[in-house]
mmCIF file of all heavy atoms, coordinates in Angstrom:
data_MODEL
# 
_entry.id   MODEL 
# 
loop_
_atom_site.group_PDB 
_atom_site.id 
_atom_site.type_symbol 
_atom_site.label_atom_id 
_atom_site.label_alt_id 
_atom_site.label_comp_id 
_atom_site.label_asym_id 
_atom_site.label_entity_id 
_atom_site.label_seq_id 
_atom_site.pdbx_PDB_ins_code 
_atom_site.Cartn_x 
_atom_site.Cartn_y 
_atom_site.Cartn_z 
_atom_site.occupancy 
_atom_site.B_iso_or_equiv 
_atom_site.pdbx_formal_charge 
_atom_site.auth_seq_id 
_atom_site.auth_comp_id 
_atom_site.auth_asym_id 
_atom_site.auth_atom_id 
_atom_site.pdbx_PDB_model_num 
ATOM 1   N N   . ASP A 1 1  ? 11.619 11.186  -2.533  1.00 0.00 ? 1  ASP A N   1 
ATOM 2   C CA  . ASP A 1 1  ? 12.928 11.109  -1.870  1.00 0.00 ? 1  ASP A CA  1 
ATOM 3   C C   . ASP A 1 1  ? 13.186 9.728   -1.274  1.00 0.00 ? 1  ASP A C   1 
ATOM 4   O O   . ASP A 1 1  ? 14.329 9.291   -1.187  1.00 0.00 ? 1  ASP A O   1 
ATOM 5   C CB  . ASP A 1 1  ? 13.047 12.164  -0.766  1.00 0.00 ? 1  ASP A CB  1 
ATOM 6   C CG  . ASP A 1 1  ? 13.395 13.538  -1.311  1.00 0.00 ? 1  ASP A CG  1 
ATOM 7   O OD1 . ASP A 1 1  ? 13.742 13.652  -2.499  1.00 0.00 ? 1  ASP A OD1 1 
ATOM 8   O OD2 . ASP A 1 1  ? 13.322 14.514  -0.528  1.00 0.00 ? 1  ASP A OD2 1 
ATOM 9   N N   . LEU A 1 2  ? 12.148 9.059   -0.843  1.00 0.00 ? 2  LEU A N   1 
ATOM 10  C CA  . LEU A 1 2  ? 12.271 7.724   -0.267  1.00 0.00 ? 2  LEU A CA  1 
ATOM 11  C C   . LEU A 1 2  ? 11.219 6.815   -0.891  1.00 0.00 ? 2  LEU A C   1 
ATOM 12  O O   . LEU A 1 2  ? 10.307 7.281   -1.564  1.00 0.00 ? 2  LEU A O   1 
ATOM 13  C CB  . LEU A 1 2  ? 12.072 7.768   1.247   1.00 0.00 ? 2  LEU A CB  1 
ATOM 14  C CG  . LEU A 1 2  ? 13.109 8.552   2.050   1.00 0.00 ? 2  LEU A CG  1 
ATOM 15  C CD1 . LEU A 1 2  ? 12.669 8.682   3.496   1.00 0.00 ? 2  LEU A CD1 1 
ATOM 16  C CD2 . LEU A 1 2  ? 14.465 7.885   1.972   1.00 0.00 ? 2  LEU A CD2 1 
ATOM 17  N N   . GLY A 1 3  ? 11.351 5.526   -0.645  1.00 0.00 ? 3  GLY A N   1 
ATOM 18  C CA  . GLY A 1 3  ? 10.368 4.594   -1.181  1.00 0.00 ? 3  GLY A CA  1 
ATOM 19  C C   . GLY A 1 3  ? 10.536 3.215   -0.597  1.00 0.00 ? 3  GLY A C   1 
ATOM 20  O O   . GLY A 1 3  ? 11.430 2.966   0.200   1.00 0.00 ? 3  GLY A O   1 
ATOM 21  N N   . GLY A 1 4  ? 9.679  2.330   -1.026  1.00 0.00 ? 4  GLY A N   1 
ATOM 22  C CA  . GLY A 1 4  ? 9.694  0.968   -0.513  1.00 0.00 ? 4  GLY A CA  1 
ATOM 23  C C   . GLY A 1 4  ? 9.625  -0.037  -1.635  1.00 0.00 ? 4  GLY A C   1 
ATOM 24  O O   . GLY A 1 4  ? 10.165 0.174   -2.714  1.00 0.00 ? 4  GLY A O   1 
ATOM 25  N N   . CYS A 1 5  ? 8.916  -1.113  -1.386  1.00 0.00 ? 5  CYS A N   1 
ATOM 26  C CA  . CYS A 1 5  ? 8.826  -2.206  -2.351  1.00 0.00 ? 5  CYS A CA  1 
ATOM 27  C C   . CYS A 1 5  ? 7.489  -2.917  -2.169  1.00 0.00 ? 5  CYS A C   1 
ATOM 28  O O   . CYS A 1 5  ? 7.014  -3.076  -1.046  1.00 0.00 ? 5  CYS A O   1 
ATOM 29  C CB  . CYS A 1 5  ? 9.971  -3.171  -2.103  1.00 0.00 ? 5  CYS A CB  1 
ATOM 30  S SG  . CYS A 1 5  ? 9.885  -4.685  -3.046  1.00 0.00 ? 5  CYS A SG  1 
ATOM 31  N N   . ASN A 1 6  ? 6.907  -3.336  -3.261  1.00 0.00 ? 6  ASN A N   1 
ATOM 32  C CA  . ASN A 1 6  ? 5.698  -4.155  -3.217  1.00 0.00 ? 6  ASN A CA  1 
ATOM 33  C C   . ASN A 1 6  ? 6.110  -5.620  -3.224  1.00 0.00 ? 6  ASN A C   1 
ATOM 34  O O   . ASN A 1 6  ? 6.746  -6.078  -4.166  1.00 0.00 ? 6  ASN A O   1 
ATOM 35  C CB  . ASN A 1 6  ? 4.799  -3.872  -4.425  1.00 0.00 ? 6  ASN A CB  1 
ATOM 36  C CG  . ASN A 1 6  ? 4.168  -2.507  -4.364  1.00 0.00 ? 6  ASN A CG  1 
ATOM 37  O OD1 . ASN A 1 6  ? 3.829  -2.023  -3.295  1.00 0.00 ? 6  ASN A OD1 1 
ATOM 38  N ND2 . ASN A 1 6  ? 4.027  -1.870  -5.508  1.00 0.00 ? 6  ASN A ND2 1 
ATOM 39  N N   . GLY A 1 7  ? 5.758  -6.337  -2.180  1.00 0.00 ? 7  GLY A N   1 
ATOM 40  C CA  . GLY A 1 7  ? 6.050  -7.769  -2.126  1.00 0.00 ? 7  GLY A CA  1 
ATOM 41  C C   . GLY A 1 7  ? 7.456  -8.082  -1.652  1.00 0.00 ? 7  GLY A C   1 
ATOM 42  O O   . GLY A 1 7  ? 8.121  -7.274  -1.012  1.00 0.00 ? 7  GLY A O   1 
ATOM 43  N N   . ASP A 1 8  ? 7.910  -9.271  -1.994  1.00 0.00 ? 8  ASP A N   1 
ATOM 44  C CA  . ASP A 1 8  ? 9.218  -9.783  -1.607  1.00 0.00 ? 8  ASP A CA  1 
ATOM 45  C C   . ASP A 1 8  ? 10.330 -8.946  -2.244  1.00 0.00 ? 8  ASP A C   1 
ATOM 46  O O   . ASP A 1 8  ? 10.273 -8.633  -3.433  1.00 0.00 ? 8  ASP A O   1 
ATOM 47  C CB  . ASP A 1 8  ? 9.318  -11.245 -2.062  1.00 0.00 ? 8  ASP A CB  1 
ATOM 48  C CG  . ASP A 1 8  ? 10.613 -11.899 -1.646  1.00 0.00 ? 8  ASP A CG  1 
ATOM 49  O OD1 . ASP A 1 8  ? 11.208 -11.471 -0.643  1.00 0.00 ? 8  ASP A OD1 1 
ATOM 50  O OD2 . ASP A 1 8  ? 11.043 -12.849 -2.328  1.00 0.00 ? 8  ASP A OD2 1 
ATOM 51  N N   . PRO A 1 9  ? 11.362 -8.579  -1.460  1.00 0.00 ? 9  PRO A N   1 
ATOM 52  C CA  . PRO A 1 9  ? 12.421 -7.745  -2.019  1.00 0.00 ? 9  PRO A CA  1 
ATOM 53  C C   . PRO A 1 9  ? 13.288 -8.421  -3.087  1.00 0.00 ? 9  PRO A C   1 
ATOM 54  O O   . PRO A 1 9  ? 13.908 -7.736  -3.898  1.00 0.00 ? 9  PRO A O   1 
ATOM 55  C CB  . PRO A 1 9  ? 13.273 -7.366  -0.812  1.00 0.00 ? 9  PRO A CB  1 
ATOM 56  C CG  . PRO A 1 9  ? 12.817 -8.164  0.323   1.00 0.00 ? 9  PRO A CG  1 
ATOM 57  C CD  . PRO A 1 9  ? 11.515 -8.789  -0.031  1.00 0.00 ? 9  PRO A CD  1 
ATOM 58  N N   . GLU A 1 10 ? 13.315 -9.754  -3.117  1.00 0.00 ? 10 GLU A N   1 
ATOM 59  C CA  . GLU A 1 10 ? 14.173 -10.441 -4.091  1.00 0.00 ? 10 GLU A CA  1 
ATOM 60  C C   . GLU A 1 10 ? 13.716 -10.138 -5.519  1.00 0.00 ? 10 GLU A C   1 
ATOM 61  O O   . GLU A 1 10 ? 12.555 -10.312 -5.872  1.00 0.00 ? 10 GLU A O   1 
ATOM 62  C CB  . GLU A 1 10 ? 14.161 -11.949 -3.849  1.00 0.00 ? 10 GLU A CB  1 
ATOM 63  C CG  . GLU A 1 10 ? 15.214 -12.656 -4.681  1.00 0.00 ? 10 GLU A CG  1 
ATOM 64  C CD  . GLU A 1 10 ? 15.460 -14.076 -4.237  1.00 0.00 ? 10 GLU A CD  1 
ATOM 65  O OE1 . GLU A 1 10 ? 15.127 -14.402 -3.083  1.00 0.00 ? 10 GLU A OE1 1 
ATOM 66  O OE2 . GLU A 1 10 ? 15.978 -14.838 -5.045  1.00 0.00 ? 10 GLU A OE2 1 
ATOM 67  N N   . ASN A 1 11 ? 14.640 -9.653  -6.329  1.00 0.00 ? 11 ASN A N   1 
ATOM 68  C CA  . ASN A 1 11 ? 14.417 -9.277  -7.735  1.00 0.00 ? 11 ASN A CA  1 
ATOM 69  C C   . ASN A 1 11 ? 13.385 -8.161  -7.918  1.00 0.00 ? 11 ASN A C   1 
ATOM 70  O O   . ASN A 1 11 ? 12.871 -7.968  -9.013  1.00 0.00 ? 11 ASN A O   1 
ATOM 71  C CB  . ASN A 1 11 ? 14.010 -10.482 -8.585  1.00 0.00 ? 11 ASN A CB  1 
ATOM 72  C CG  . ASN A 1 11 ? 15.083 -11.534 -8.649  1.00 0.00 ? 11 ASN A CG  1 
ATOM 73  O OD1 . ASN A 1 11 ? 16.271 -11.224 -8.657  1.00 0.00 ? 11 ASN A OD1 1 
ATOM 74  N ND2 . ASN A 1 11 ? 14.680 -12.784 -8.659  1.00 0.00 ? 11 ASN A ND2 1 
ATOM 75  N N   . ALA A 1 12 ? 13.085 -7.428  -6.859  1.00 0.00 ? 12 ALA A N   1 
ATOM 76  C CA  . ALA A 1 12 ? 12.055 -6.389  -6.937  1.00 0.00 ? 12 ALA A CA  1 
ATOM 77  C C   . ALA A 1 12 ? 12.452 -5.262  -7.880  1.00 0.00 ? 12 ALA A C   1 
ATOM 78  O O   . ALA A 1 12 ? 11.615 -4.744  -8.618  1.00 0.00 ? 12 ALA A O   1 
ATOM 79  C CB  . ALA A 1 12 ? 11.763 -5.827  -5.551  1.00 0.00 ? 12 ALA A CB  1 
ATOM 80  N N   . TRP A 1 13 ? 13.737 -4.860  -7.856  1.00 0.00 ? 13 TRP A N   1 
ATOM 81  C CA  . TRP A 1 13 ? 14.178 -3.778  -8.742  1.00 0.00 ? 13 TRP A CA  1 
ATOM 82  C C   . TRP A 1 13 ? 14.032 -4.211  -10.198 1.00 0.00 ? 13 TRP A C   1 
ATOM 83  O O   . TRP A 1 13 ? 13.474 -3.486  -11.023 1.00 0.00 ? 13 TRP A O   1 
ATOM 84  C CB  . TRP A 1 13 ? 15.627 -3.403  -8.438  1.00 0.00 ? 13 TRP A CB  1 
ATOM 85  C CG  . TRP A 1 13 ? 16.193 -2.449  -9.443  1.00 0.00 ? 13 TRP A CG  1 
ATOM 86  C CD1 . TRP A 1 13 ? 17.099 -2.730  -10.429 1.00 0.00 ? 13 TRP A CD1 1 
ATOM 87  C CD2 . TRP A 1 13 ? 15.879 -1.062  -9.593  1.00 0.00 ? 13 TRP A CD2 1 
ATOM 88  N NE1 . TRP A 1 13 ? 17.374 -1.615  -11.169 1.00 0.00 ? 13 TRP A NE1 1 
ATOM 89  C CE2 . TRP A 1 13 ? 16.631 -0.565  -10.684 1.00 0.00 ? 13 TRP A CE2 1 
ATOM 90  C CE3 . TRP A 1 13 ? 15.033 -0.185  -8.922  1.00 0.00 ? 13 TRP A CE3 1 
ATOM 91  C CZ2 . TRP A 1 13 ? 16.570 0.754   -11.104 1.00 0.00 ? 13 TRP A CZ2 1 
ATOM 92  C CZ3 . TRP A 1 13 ? 14.976 1.122   -9.345  1.00 0.00 ? 13 TRP A CZ3 1 
ATOM 93  C CH2 . TRP A 1 13 ? 15.737 1.580   -10.426 1.00 0.00 ? 13 TRP A CH2 1 
ATOM 94  N N   . GLU A 1 14 ? 14.500 -5.393  -10.507 1.00 0.00 ? 14 GLU A N   1 
ATOM 95  C CA  . GLU A 1 14 ? 14.433 -5.891  -11.874 1.00 0.00 ? 14 GLU A CA  1 
ATOM 96  C C   . GLU A 1 14 ? 12.995 -6.073  -12.354 1.00 0.00 ? 14 GLU A C   1 
ATOM 97  O O   . GLU A 1 14 ? 12.707 -5.913  -13.533 1.00 0.00 ? 14 GLU A O   1 
ATOM 98  C CB  . GLU A 1 14 ? 15.182 -7.234  -11.995 1.00 0.00 ? 14 GLU A CB  1 
ATOM 99  C CG  . GLU A 1 14 ? 16.677 -7.152  -11.752 1.00 0.00 ? 14 GLU A CG  1 
ATOM 100 C CD  . GLU A 1 14 ? 17.074 -7.168  -10.276 1.00 0.00 ? 14 GLU A CD  1 
ATOM 101 O OE1 . GLU A 1 14 ? 16.179 -7.220  -9.405  1.00 0.00 ? 14 GLU A OE1 1 
ATOM 102 O OE2 . GLU A 1 14 ? 18.270 -7.119  -9.993  1.00 0.00 ? 14 GLU A OE2 1 
ATOM 103 N N   . GLU A 1 15 ? 12.114 -6.409  -11.442 1.00 0.00 ? 15 GLU A N   1 
ATOM 104 C CA  . GLU A 1 15 ? 10.711 -6.643  -11.793 1.00 0.00 ? 15 GLU A CA  1 
ATOM 105 C C   . GLU A 1 15 ? 9.858  -5.381  -11.681 1.00 0.00 ? 15 GLU A C   1 
ATOM 106 O O   . GLU A 1 15 ? 8.645  -5.438  -11.870 1.00 0.00 ? 15 GLU A O   1 
ATOM 107 C CB  . GLU A 1 15 ? 10.138 -7.747  -10.889 1.00 0.00 ? 15 GLU A CB  1 
ATOM 108 C CG  . GLU A 1 15 ? 10.813 -9.093  -11.117 1.00 0.00 ? 15 GLU A CG  1 
ATOM 109 C CD  . GLU A 1 15 ? 10.417 -10.136 -10.088 1.00 0.00 ? 15 GLU A CD  1 
ATOM 110 O OE1 . GLU A 1 15 ? 9.530  -9.851  -9.243  1.00 0.00 ? 15 GLU A OE1 1 
ATOM 111 O OE2 . GLU A 1 15 ? 10.996 -11.240 -10.110 1.00 0.00 ? 15 GLU A OE2 1 
ATOM 112 N N   . GLY A 1 16 ? 10.485 -4.256  -11.376 1.00 0.00 ? 16 GLY A N   1 
ATOM 113 C CA  . GLY A 1 16 ? 9.764  -2.986  -11.322 1.00 0.00 ? 16 GLY A CA  1 
ATOM 114 C C   . GLY A 1 16 ? 8.806  -2.848  -10.156 1.00 0.00 ? 16 GLY A C   1 
ATOM 115 O O   . GLY A 1 16 ? 7.791  -2.173  -10.261 1.00 0.00 ? 16 GLY A O   1 
ATOM 116 N N   . ARG A 1 17 ? 9.137  -3.470  -9.016  1.00 0.00 ? 17 ARG A N   1 
ATOM 117 C CA  . ARG A 1 17 ? 8.237  -3.411  -7.865  1.00 0.00 ? 17 ARG A CA  1 
ATOM 118 C C   . ARG A 1 17 ? 8.674  -2.420  -6.797  1.00 0.00 ? 17 ARG A C   1 
ATOM 119 O O   . ARG A 1 17 ? 8.076  -2.327  -5.750  1.00 0.00 ? 17 ARG A O   1 
ATOM 120 C CB  . ARG A 1 17 ? 8.069  -4.807  -7.260  1.00 0.00 ? 17 ARG A CB  1 
ATOM 121 C CG  . ARG A 1 17 ? 7.312  -5.757  -8.176  1.00 0.00 ? 17 ARG A CG  1 
ATOM 122 C CD  . ARG A 1 17 ? 7.014  -7.095  -7.522  1.00 0.00 ? 17 ARG A CD  1 
ATOM 123 N NE  . ARG A 1 17 ? 8.223  -7.919  -7.470  1.00 0.00 ? 17 ARG A NE  1 
ATOM 124 C CZ  . ARG A 1 17 ? 8.839  -8.287  -6.345  1.00 0.00 ? 17 ARG A CZ  1 
ATOM 125 N NH1 . ARG A 1 17 ? 8.371  -7.924  -5.179  1.00 0.00 ? 17 ARG A NH1 1 
ATOM 126 N NH2 . ARG A 1 17 ? 9.930  -9.032  -6.387  1.00 0.00 ? 17 ARG A NH2 1 
ATOM 127 N N   . TRP A 1 18 ? 9.764  -1.672  -7.059  1.00 0.00 ? 18 TRP A N   1 
ATOM 128 C CA  . TRP A 1 18 ? 10.143 -0.624  -6.118  1.00 0.00 ? 18 TRP A CA  1 
ATOM 129 C C   . TRP A 1 18 ? 9.145  0.509   -6.255  1.00 0.00 ? 18 TRP A C   1 
ATOM 130 O O   . TRP A 1 18 ? 8.672  0.816   -7.342  1.00 0.00 ? 18 TRP A O   1 
ATOM 131 C CB  . TRP A 1 18 ? 11.547 -0.121  -6.423  1.00 0.00 ? 18 TRP A CB  1 
ATOM 132 C CG  . TRP A 1 18 ? 12.634 -0.913  -5.751  1.00 0.00 ? 18 TRP A CG  1 
ATOM 133 C CD1 . TRP A 1 18 ? 12.537 -2.187  -5.278  1.00 0.00 ? 18 TRP A CD1 1 
ATOM 134 C CD2 . TRP A 1 18 ? 13.969 -0.497  -5.508  1.00 0.00 ? 18 TRP A CD2 1 
ATOM 135 N NE1 . TRP A 1 18 ? 13.736 -2.594  -4.759  1.00 0.00 ? 18 TRP A NE1 1 
ATOM 136 C CE2 . TRP A 1 18 ? 14.643 -1.562  -4.894  1.00 0.00 ? 18 TRP A CE2 1 
ATOM 137 C CE3 . TRP A 1 18 ? 14.663 0.662   -5.756  1.00 0.00 ? 18 TRP A CE3 1 
ATOM 138 C CZ2 . TRP A 1 18 ? 15.969 -1.489  -4.506  1.00 0.00 ? 18 TRP A CZ2 1 
ATOM 139 C CZ3 . TRP A 1 18 ? 15.990 0.723   -5.379  1.00 0.00 ? 18 TRP A CZ3 1 
ATOM 140 C CH2 . TRP A 1 18 ? 16.633 -0.336  -4.754  1.00 0.00 ? 18 TRP A CH2 1 
ATOM 141 N N   . THR A 1 19 ? 8.838  1.155   -5.140  1.00 0.00 ? 19 THR A N   1 
ATOM 142 C CA  . THR A 1 19 ? 7.889  2.267   -5.149  1.00 0.00 ? 19 THR A CA  1 
ATOM 143 C C   . THR A 1 19 ? 8.566  3.532   -4.631  1.00 0.00 ? 19 THR A C   1 
ATOM 144 O O   . THR A 1 19 ? 9.573  3.464   -3.926  1.00 0.00 ? 19 THR A O   1 
ATOM 145 C CB  . THR A 1 19 ? 6.676  1.963   -4.255  1.00 0.00 ? 19 THR A CB  1 
ATOM 146 O OG1 . THR A 1 19 ? 7.133  1.794   -2.905  1.00 0.00 ? 19 THR A OG1 1 
ATOM 147 C CG2 . THR A 1 19 ? 5.944  0.724   -4.707  1.00 0.00 ? 19 THR A CG2 1 
ATOM 148 N N   . SER A 1 20 ? 8.009  4.662   -4.993  1.00 0.00 ? 20 SER A N   1 
ATOM 149 C CA  . SER A 1 20 ? 8.427  5.949   -4.435  1.00 0.00 ? 20 SER A CA  1 
ATOM 150 C C   . SER A 1 20 ? 7.303  6.445   -3.547  1.00 0.00 ? 20 SER A C   1 
ATOM 151 O O   . SER A 1 20 ? 6.142  6.359   -3.916  1.00 0.00 ? 20 SER A O   1 
ATOM 152 C CB  . SER A 1 20 ? 8.675  6.965   -5.549  1.00 0.00 ? 20 SER A CB  1 
ATOM 153 O OG  . SER A 1 20 ? 9.799  6.598   -6.301  1.00 0.00 ? 20 SER A OG  1 
ATOM 154 N N   . TRP A 1 21 ? 7.679  6.972   -2.384  1.00 0.00 ? 21 TRP A N   1 
ATOM 155 C CA  . TRP A 1 21 ? 6.671  7.476   -1.465  1.00 0.00 ? 21 TRP A CA  1 
ATOM 156 C C   . TRP A 1 21 ? 6.396  8.942   -1.721  1.00 0.00 ? 21 TRP A C   1 
ATOM 157 O O   . TRP A 1 21 ? 7.322  9.740   -1.906  1.00 0.00 ? 21 TRP A O   1 
ATOM 158 C CB  . TRP A 1 21 ? 7.119  7.302   -0.021  1.00 0.00 ? 21 TRP A CB  1 
ATOM 159 C CG  . TRP A 1 21 ? 7.254  5.887   0.426   1.00 0.00 ? 21 TRP A CG  1 
ATOM 160 C CD1 . TRP A 1 21 ? 6.571  4.804   -0.044  1.00 0.00 ? 21 TRP A CD1 1 
ATOM 161 C CD2 . TRP A 1 21 ? 8.123  5.384   1.437   1.00 0.00 ? 21 TRP A CD2 1 
ATOM 162 N NE1 . TRP A 1 21 ? 6.956  3.668   0.621   1.00 0.00 ? 21 TRP A NE1 1 
ATOM 163 C CE2 . TRP A 1 21 ? 7.907  3.996   1.531   1.00 0.00 ? 21 TRP A CE2 1 
ATOM 164 C CE3 . TRP A 1 21 ? 9.050  5.965   2.274   1.00 0.00 ? 21 TRP A CE3 1 
ATOM 165 C CZ2 . TRP A 1 21 ? 8.596  3.197   2.438   1.00 0.00 ? 21 TRP A CZ2 1 
ATOM 166 C CZ3 . TRP A 1 21 ? 9.741  5.172   3.170   1.00 0.00 ? 21 TRP A CZ3 1 
ATOM 167 C CH2 . TRP A 1 21 ? 9.507  3.803   3.251   1.00 0.00 ? 21 TRP A CH2 1 
ATOM 168 N N   . SER A 1 22 ? 5.141  9.312   -1.695  1.00 0.00 ? 22 SER A N   1 
ATOM 169 C CA  . SER A 1 22 ? 4.762  10.722  -1.772  1.00 0.00 ? 22 SER A CA  1 
ATOM 170 C C   . SER A 1 22 ? 4.840  11.299  -0.360  1.00 0.00 ? 22 SER A C   1 
ATOM 171 O O   . SER A 1 22 ? 4.981  10.563  0.628   1.00 0.00 ? 22 SER A O   1 
ATOM 172 C CB  . SER A 1 22 ? 3.346  10.865  -2.318  1.00 0.00 ? 22 SER A CB  1 
ATOM 173 O OG  . SER A 1 22 ? 2.410  10.383  -1.371  1.00 0.00 ? 22 SER A OG  1 
ATOM 174 N N   . VAL A 1 23 ? 4.734  12.602  -0.254  1.00 0.00 ? 23 VAL A N   1 
ATOM 175 C CA  . VAL A 1 23 ? 4.712  13.260  1.049   1.00 0.00 ? 23 VAL A CA  1 
ATOM 176 C C   . VAL A 1 23 ? 3.531  12.738  1.876   1.00 0.00 ? 23 VAL A C   1 
ATOM 177 O O   . VAL A 1 23 ? 3.664  12.517  3.088   1.00 0.00 ? 23 VAL A O   1 
ATOM 178 C CB  . VAL A 1 23 ? 4.647  14.793  0.862   1.00 0.00 ? 23 VAL A CB  1 
ATOM 179 C CG1 . VAL A 1 23 ? 4.323  15.500  2.155   1.00 0.00 ? 23 VAL A CG1 1 
ATOM 180 C CG2 . VAL A 1 23 ? 5.964  15.301  0.302   1.00 0.00 ? 23 VAL A CG2 1 
ATOM 181 N N   . ASP A 1 24 ? 2.403  12.507  1.229   1.00 0.00 ? 24 ASP A N   1 
ATOM 182 C CA  . ASP A 1 24 ? 1.241  11.962  1.938   1.00 0.00 ? 24 ASP A CA  1 
ATOM 183 C C   . ASP A 1 24 ? 1.524  10.563  2.473   1.00 0.00 ? 24 ASP A C   1 
ATOM 184 O O   . ASP A 1 24 ? 1.122  10.223  3.590   1.00 0.00 ? 24 ASP A O   1 
ATOM 185 C CB  . ASP A 1 24 ? 0.014  11.931  1.028   1.00 0.00 ? 24 ASP A CB  1 
ATOM 186 C CG  . ASP A 1 24 ? -0.469 13.321  0.644   1.00 0.00 ? 24 ASP A CG  1 
ATOM 187 O OD1 . ASP A 1 24 ? -0.215 14.279  1.414   1.00 0.00 ? 24 ASP A OD1 1 
ATOM 188 O OD2 . ASP A 1 24 ? -1.090 13.453  -0.420  1.00 0.00 ? 24 ASP A OD2 1 
ATOM 189 N N   . ASP A 1 25 ? 2.220  9.733   1.676   1.00 0.00 ? 25 ASP A N   1 
ATOM 190 C CA  . ASP A 1 25 ? 2.604  8.387   2.127   1.00 0.00 ? 25 ASP A CA  1 
ATOM 191 C C   . ASP A 1 25 ? 3.524  8.467   3.343   1.00 0.00 ? 25 ASP A C   1 
ATOM 192 O O   . ASP A 1 25 ? 3.357  7.728   4.322   1.00 0.00 ? 25 ASP A O   1 
ATOM 193 C CB  . ASP A 1 25 ? 3.317  7.611   1.021   1.00 0.00 ? 25 ASP A CB  1 
ATOM 194 C CG  . ASP A 1 25 ? 2.447  7.316   -0.174  1.00 0.00 ? 25 ASP A CG  1 
ATOM 195 O OD1 . ASP A 1 25 ? 1.210  7.242   -0.016  1.00 0.00 ? 25 ASP A OD1 1 
ATOM 196 O OD2 . ASP A 1 25 ? 3.010  7.159   -1.287  1.00 0.00 ? 25 ASP A OD2 1 
ATOM 197 N N   . ILE A 1 26 ? 4.519  9.368   3.267   1.00 0.00 ? 26 ILE A N   1 
ATOM 198 C CA  . ILE A 1 26 ? 5.473  9.529   4.370   1.00 0.00 ? 26 ILE A CA  1 
ATOM 199 C C   . ILE A 1 26 ? 4.741  9.974   5.631   1.00 0.00 ? 26 ILE A C   1 
ATOM 200 O O   . ILE A 1 26 ? 4.979  9.429   6.723   1.00 0.00 ? 26 ILE A O   1 
ATOM 201 C CB  . ILE A 1 26 ? 6.588  10.528  3.984   1.00 0.00 ? 26 ILE A CB  1 
ATOM 202 C CG1 . ILE A 1 26 ? 7.470  9.932   2.866   1.00 0.00 ? 26 ILE A CG1 1 
ATOM 203 C CG2 . ILE A 1 26 ? 7.444  10.892  5.192   1.00 0.00 ? 26 ILE A CG2 1 
ATOM 204 C CD1 . ILE A 1 26 ? 8.452  10.917  2.254   1.00 0.00 ? 26 ILE A CD1 1 
# 
């Protein structure tokens, strides 16, 4: 349902660095 990003946010979506959080992560 939610997520973050690995590293710098610039171009993160295009570079596939967005993450999804699991319930355990949350």
